Amino acid sequence: MVALPNPARAALVAAFDREIVLAEVLITRHEHGFDLRHHLDRAPAEALRELSISDLGPLAQTTTAGRFRPNKAAPNLQRGWHAMARSEDDLEAALCHLYPGALADWFAGRQPAPPVTHFREFVNRQTGLYRVPQLLSDELATRTIRAGCAARFCLRDRRWTVAGLAPDDSVSKSLIPCLEPCALLLDLARRAQLLAQGEPVKIALAAADLDSLLHALDVALEQTAGEVREGDTGASQNPRRLALVREHLRSLKPPSPTPAG
């Protein structure tokens, strides 16, 4: 039986001449195949650890510190390696290890009408515990998405939206589109609604103090990176949870004065 060619793979190979960067992976075309490595590793291949295509699966499972990566599009792919794909089949297999589903999504995202599932459509089909996000207001959903889908957590280019929130601008992320919310975002949305149902606390803050708190959260986000499981939104120091608090505080900032003109 003759295998049918993959149109997504063929389109990707045709989309670049010398090299292309897919999320954090640099793909360079060579006479005898394709070299893959972290895009920040421009050193000669001899200076990098050589991996086989099958090695890329275990590599993508964990961070440098050995922590599990539930989101393969998170910007924490290990560095210091390279792998040679000797054929287009090998290239496809390598990308499936590094970014499962990304090749198909990249191809779908280039179509005239990409199959996008927007936030409301996605949460409205959830059942059980995960029906809770259906209760989010558009404002709270927007804050949750800005927090959970920020480039510090995911490099997928978000194409789906909720009322009042535009899609990503593509510049700060990558060529891999996000065509529907993921499980990590769904869990954060559930947590956001549960927290919103609690007893609110009102605190009077000067604008300067609010800026200090926002700065402190930025520092905390950097320091907690990799210390807490990504999906554990029940932990108060969870990075996505901290980012959500930051979005809440940002919404309290008074608008900047309009310049006199």
Foldseek 3Di string as FASTA:
>chain_A
DDDDDDVLLVCVVVVDDAWFQFLQWIWGDDPQFIKIFGNVPPDPQVQAAEDELVVLQVQLQAAPVRHGDPALQANRRYHRYMYTQRDSVSVVSSCCSRHNPQSVQLVLVPDPDRQADADQNVLCVDDDLLVQLNPDDLVLLQLLCCLCVPNNGGQAFECHHGPPDHTHPNPSHGSGHDRYDDPLSSLSSSVSSVVVPDDDDDDDDDLVVLVVVLVVLVVLLVVCVPVDPQSPCVDCSRNSNSSSVSSVSVVVHDDDDDDDD
